[in-house]
């Protein structure tokens, strides 16, 4: 009998709403791809702590690392020639209807 807490990625995608209801109810799911575990979906712990407090706890446990400083701003994107990516997608999708 298959484990009800293990689900294939295609099945998970197809029945996402049903599986998210199970997670909300407290279940932890293991997602597989061709029978190999690739992800775990679990309920979020709502301890009432701020994001900063949770990050500090994870740093103390050695689960995450970092300088604690903000990331530098992203460089200006390079302007391309022709249509934007989103315009190309919209045009492609219009051809389907």
N, C-alpha and C. Protein backbone atom coordinates (compact mmCIF):
# COMPACT_ATOMS: atom_id res chain seq x y z
N UNK A 1 0.85 -1.19 0.00
CA UNK A 1 0.00 0.00 0.00
C UNK A 1 0.89 1.25 0.00
N UNK A 2 0.68 2.19 -0.93
CA UNK A 2 1.52 3.38 -1.00
C UNK A 2 1.34 4.29 0.22
N UNK A 3 2.41 5.00 0.56
CA UNK A 3 2.38 5.94 1.68
C UNK A 3 1.52 7.14 1.28
N UNK A 4 0.48 7.49 2.07
CA UNK A 4 -0.38 8.61 1.70
C UNK A 4 0.31 9.97 1.81
N UNK A 5 1.48 10.00 2.43
CA UNK A 5 2.21 11.26 2.59
C UNK A 5 3.27 11.45 1.51
N UNK A 6 3.34 10.53 0.55
CA UNK A 6 4.28 10.63 -0.56
C UNK A 6 3.46 10.75 -1.84
N UNK A 7 3.79 11.76 -2.66
CA UNK A 7 3.01 12.00 -3.87
C UNK A 7 3.95 12.38 -5.01
N UNK A 8 3.64 11.89 -6.20
CA UNK A 8 4.42 12.24 -7.38
C UNK A 8 4.18 13.69 -7.78
N UNK A 9 5.16 14.28 -8.44
CA UNK A 9 5.07 15.70 -8.80
C UNK A 9 3.89 15.98 -9.73
N UNK A 10 3.62 15.10 -10.67
CA UNK A 10 2.49 15.32 -11.58
C UNK A 10 1.17 15.28 -10.83
N UNK A 11 1.01 14.29 -9.95
CA UNK A 11 -0.21 14.18 -9.14
C UNK A 11 -0.35 15.40 -8.23
N UNK A 12 0.75 15.84 -7.65
CA UNK A 12 0.73 17.02 -6.78
C UNK A 12 0.25 18.24 -7.55
N UNK A 13 0.78 18.43 -8.75
CA UNK A 13 0.40 19.57 -9.58
C UNK A 13 -1.08 19.49 -9.96
N UNK A 14 -1.53 18.31 -10.33
CA UNK A 14 -2.91 18.13 -10.77
C UNK A 14 -3.91 18.38 -9.65
N UNK A 15 -3.58 17.93 -8.44
CA UNK A 15 -4.51 18.04 -7.31
C UNK A 15 -3.97 18.97 -6.23
N UNK A 16 -3.33 20.07 -6.64
CA UNK A 16 -2.67 20.98 -5.72
C UNK A 16 -3.58 21.43 -4.58
N UNK A 17 -4.79 21.84 -4.89
CA UNK A 17 -5.71 22.33 -3.86
C UNK A 17 -5.96 21.30 -2.77
N UNK A 18 -6.20 20.05 -3.17
CA UNK A 18 -6.46 18.99 -2.20
C UNK A 18 -5.24 18.74 -1.32
N UNK A 19 -4.06 18.74 -1.92
CA UNK A 19 -2.85 18.50 -1.13
C UNK A 19 -2.54 19.67 -0.21
N UNK A 20 -2.82 20.89 -0.64
CA UNK A 20 -2.60 22.04 0.24
C UNK A 20 -3.55 22.00 1.43
N UNK A 21 -4.76 21.52 1.24
CA UNK A 21 -5.68 21.36 2.38
C UNK A 21 -5.11 20.37 3.38
N UNK A 22 -4.50 19.30 2.90
CA UNK A 22 -3.88 18.33 3.81
C UNK A 22 -2.74 18.97 4.59
N UNK A 23 -1.94 19.79 3.91
CA UNK A 23 -0.83 20.46 4.59
C UNK A 23 -1.37 21.42 5.63
N UNK A 24 -2.42 22.18 5.28
CA UNK A 24 -3.03 23.09 6.26
C UNK A 24 -3.51 22.33 7.49
N UNK A 25 -3.94 21.10 7.29
CA UNK A 25 -4.42 20.27 8.40
C UNK A 25 -3.27 19.70 9.22
N UNK A 26 -2.03 19.98 8.83
CA UNK A 26 -0.89 19.54 9.63
C UNK A 26 -0.06 18.43 9.04
N UNK A 27 -0.43 17.91 7.89
CA UNK A 27 0.34 16.82 7.28
C UNK A 27 1.59 17.35 6.59
N UNK A 28 2.61 16.53 6.57
CA UNK A 28 3.85 16.83 5.84
C UNK A 28 3.89 15.89 4.65
N UNK A 29 4.06 16.46 3.44
CA UNK A 29 4.08 15.67 2.22
C UNK A 29 5.49 15.62 1.64
N UNK A 30 5.84 14.47 1.08
CA UNK A 30 7.08 14.33 0.33
C UNK A 30 6.71 14.23 -1.13
N UNK A 31 7.29 15.11 -1.94
CA UNK A 31 7.02 15.14 -3.38
C UNK A 31 8.14 14.37 -4.08
N UNK A 32 7.76 13.49 -5.01
CA UNK A 32 8.76 12.69 -5.73
C UNK A 32 8.73 12.99 -7.22
N UNK A 33 9.84 12.72 -7.86
CA UNK A 33 9.96 12.81 -9.32
C UNK A 33 10.54 11.49 -9.78
N UNK A 34 9.74 10.72 -10.49
CA UNK A 34 10.13 9.37 -10.92
C UNK A 34 10.55 8.50 -9.73
N UNK A 35 9.80 8.64 -8.64
CA UNK A 35 10.04 7.81 -7.47
C UNK A 35 11.12 8.30 -6.52
N UNK A 36 11.82 9.37 -6.88
CA UNK A 36 12.89 9.90 -6.02
C UNK A 36 12.39 11.15 -5.30
N UNK A 37 12.54 11.22 -3.98
CA UNK A 37 12.10 12.41 -3.24
C UNK A 37 12.86 13.65 -3.70
N UNK A 38 12.10 14.73 -3.96
CA UNK A 38 12.73 15.99 -4.39
C UNK A 38 12.35 17.17 -3.51
N UNK A 39 11.26 17.06 -2.75
CA UNK A 39 10.83 18.20 -1.93
C UNK A 39 9.94 17.72 -0.80
N UNK A 40 9.87 18.56 0.22
CA UNK A 40 8.96 18.33 1.33
C UNK A 40 8.07 19.56 1.45
N UNK A 41 6.78 19.35 1.59
CA UNK A 41 5.84 20.45 1.79
C UNK A 41 5.28 20.29 3.19
N UNK A 42 5.46 21.32 4.01
CA UNK A 42 5.04 21.24 5.41
C UNK A 42 4.34 22.53 5.81
N UNK A 43 3.49 22.46 6.83
CA UNK A 43 2.84 23.68 7.31
C UNK A 43 3.88 24.66 7.85
N UNK A 44 3.60 25.93 7.69
CA UNK A 44 4.49 26.96 8.22
C UNK A 44 4.26 27.06 9.72
N UNK A 45 5.35 27.14 10.45
CA UNK A 45 5.23 27.33 11.90
C UNK A 45 4.87 28.78 12.15
N UNK A 46 3.77 29.01 12.82
CA UNK A 46 3.36 30.37 13.14
C UNK A 46 3.58 30.60 14.62
N UNK A 47 4.82 30.86 14.96
CA UNK A 47 5.19 31.04 16.36
C UNK A 47 4.94 32.45 16.85
N UNK A 48 4.57 33.35 15.95
CA UNK A 48 4.36 34.73 16.35
C UNK A 48 5.65 35.54 16.35
N UNK A 49 6.78 34.89 16.03
CA UNK A 49 8.06 35.59 15.99
C UNK A 49 8.17 36.38 14.70
N UNK A 50 8.93 37.47 14.76
CA UNK A 50 9.19 38.25 13.56
C UNK A 50 10.14 37.47 12.65
N UNK A 51 10.21 37.89 11.41
CA UNK A 51 11.13 37.25 10.46
C UNK A 51 12.56 37.36 10.97
N UNK A 52 12.91 38.54 11.48
CA UNK A 52 14.26 38.75 11.99
C UNK A 52 14.58 37.79 13.14
N UNK A 53 13.63 37.60 14.05
CA UNK A 53 13.84 36.69 15.19
C UNK A 53 14.00 35.25 14.71
N UNK A 54 13.20 34.85 13.73
CA UNK A 54 13.33 33.49 13.20
C UNK A 54 14.66 33.29 12.50
N UNK A 55 15.10 34.30 11.72
CA UNK A 55 16.40 34.20 11.06
C UNK A 55 17.53 34.11 12.08
N UNK A 56 17.44 34.88 13.14
CA UNK A 56 18.47 34.84 14.18
C UNK A 56 18.52 33.46 14.83
N UNK A 57 17.35 32.86 15.07
CA UNK A 57 17.31 31.52 15.65
C UNK A 57 17.94 30.51 14.69
N UNK A 58 17.63 30.63 13.39
CA UNK A 58 18.21 29.72 12.40
C UNK A 58 19.72 29.91 12.30
N UNK A 59 20.20 31.16 12.40
CA UNK A 59 21.65 31.41 12.40
C UNK A 59 22.30 30.73 13.61
N UNK A 60 21.67 30.87 14.77
CA UNK A 60 22.21 30.27 16.00
C UNK A 60 22.26 28.75 15.90
N UNK A 61 21.30 28.16 15.19
CA UNK A 61 21.27 26.71 15.02
C UNK A 61 22.18 26.24 13.89
N UNK A 62 22.78 27.19 13.17
CA UNK A 62 23.66 26.83 12.06
C UNK A 62 22.92 26.42 10.80
N UNK A 63 21.63 26.72 10.74
CA UNK A 63 20.82 26.33 9.58
C UNK A 63 20.99 27.30 8.41
N UNK A 64 21.28 28.57 8.70
CA UNK A 64 21.52 29.58 7.67
C UNK A 64 22.73 30.39 8.07
N UNK A 65 23.33 31.02 7.09
CA UNK A 65 24.46 31.91 7.38
C UNK A 65 24.33 33.15 6.53
N UNK A 66 25.07 34.14 6.86
CA UNK A 66 25.03 35.38 6.11
C UNK A 66 25.59 36.50 6.95
N UNK A 67 25.84 37.60 6.32
CA UNK A 67 26.42 38.74 7.02
C UNK A 67 25.39 39.50 7.82
N UNK A 68 24.12 39.32 7.48
CA UNK A 68 23.08 40.09 8.15
C UNK A 68 22.87 41.45 7.51
N UNK A 69 23.68 41.77 6.51
CA UNK A 69 23.56 43.06 5.82
C UNK A 69 22.65 42.91 4.60
N UNK A 70 22.10 44.02 4.18
CA UNK A 70 21.25 44.02 3.00
C UNK A 70 22.07 43.73 1.75
N UNK A 71 21.41 43.16 0.76
CA UNK A 71 22.07 42.90 -0.52
C UNK A 71 22.26 44.20 -1.27
N UNK A 72 23.31 44.29 -2.09
CA UNK A 72 23.51 45.51 -2.87
C UNK A 72 22.41 45.65 -3.92
N UNK A 73 22.16 46.88 -4.37
CA UNK A 73 21.11 47.06 -5.39
C UNK A 73 21.48 46.35 -6.68
N UNK A 74 20.46 45.93 -7.41
CA UNK A 74 20.66 45.23 -8.67
C UNK A 74 21.08 46.25 -9.73
N UNK A 75 22.03 45.87 -10.56
CA UNK A 75 22.49 46.76 -11.63
C UNK A 75 21.37 47.02 -12.62
N UNK A 76 21.46 48.11 -13.33
CA UNK A 76 20.44 48.44 -14.33
C UNK A 76 20.45 47.39 -15.43
N UNK A 77 19.26 46.93 -15.84
CA UNK A 77 19.21 45.93 -16.91
C UNK A 77 19.64 46.53 -18.24
N UNK A 78 20.13 45.69 -19.10
CA UNK A 78 20.54 46.12 -20.44
C UNK A 78 19.31 46.16 -21.32
N UNK A 79 19.13 47.27 -22.01
CA UNK A 79 17.97 47.41 -22.90
C UNK A 79 18.20 46.59 -24.16
N UNK A 80 17.20 45.82 -24.53
CA UNK A 80 17.31 44.99 -25.72
C UNK A 80 16.68 45.68 -26.92
N UNK A 81 16.87 45.08 -28.07
CA UNK A 81 16.27 45.60 -29.29
C UNK A 81 15.00 44.82 -29.58
N UNK A 82 14.07 45.46 -30.23
CA UNK A 82 12.85 44.77 -30.63
C UNK A 82 11.83 44.73 -29.51
N UNK A 83 10.95 43.72 -29.57
CA UNK A 83 9.87 43.58 -28.61
C UNK A 83 10.41 43.16 -27.25
N UNK A 84 9.64 43.53 -26.21
CA UNK A 84 9.97 43.03 -24.88
C UNK A 84 9.54 41.57 -24.80
N UNK A 85 10.06 40.88 -23.83
CA UNK A 85 9.73 39.47 -23.63
C UNK A 85 8.23 39.29 -23.43
N UNK A 86 7.63 40.16 -22.59
CA UNK A 86 6.20 40.03 -22.32
C UNK A 86 5.37 40.29 -23.57
N UNK A 87 5.79 41.24 -24.41
CA UNK A 87 5.06 41.49 -25.66
C UNK A 87 5.12 40.27 -26.58
N UNK A 88 6.25 39.61 -26.62
CA UNK A 88 6.41 38.41 -27.45
C UNK A 88 5.48 37.30 -26.97
N UNK A 89 5.39 37.13 -25.66
CA UNK A 89 4.52 36.09 -25.09
C UNK A 89 3.06 36.39 -25.40
N UNK A 90 2.65 37.65 -25.20
CA UNK A 90 1.27 38.02 -25.48
C UNK A 90 0.94 37.77 -26.95
N UNK A 91 1.84 38.15 -27.83
CA UNK A 91 1.63 37.94 -29.26
C UNK A 91 1.50 36.45 -29.57
N UNK A 92 2.35 35.63 -28.97
CA UNK A 92 2.31 34.19 -29.19
C UNK A 92 0.98 33.61 -28.72
N UNK A 93 0.51 34.06 -27.57
CA UNK A 93 -0.74 33.54 -27.03
C UNK A 93 -1.94 33.99 -27.83
N UNK A 94 -1.89 35.17 -28.42
CA UNK A 94 -3.00 35.64 -29.25
C UNK A 94 -3.19 34.74 -30.46
N UNK A 95 -2.11 34.18 -30.98
CA UNK A 95 -2.19 33.30 -32.15
C UNK A 95 -2.96 32.02 -31.85
N UNK A 96 -3.06 31.65 -30.59
CA UNK A 96 -3.73 30.40 -30.21
C UNK A 96 -5.24 30.52 -30.19
N UNK A 97 -5.75 31.73 -30.14
CA UNK A 97 -7.20 31.90 -29.98
C UNK A 97 -7.82 32.44 -31.20
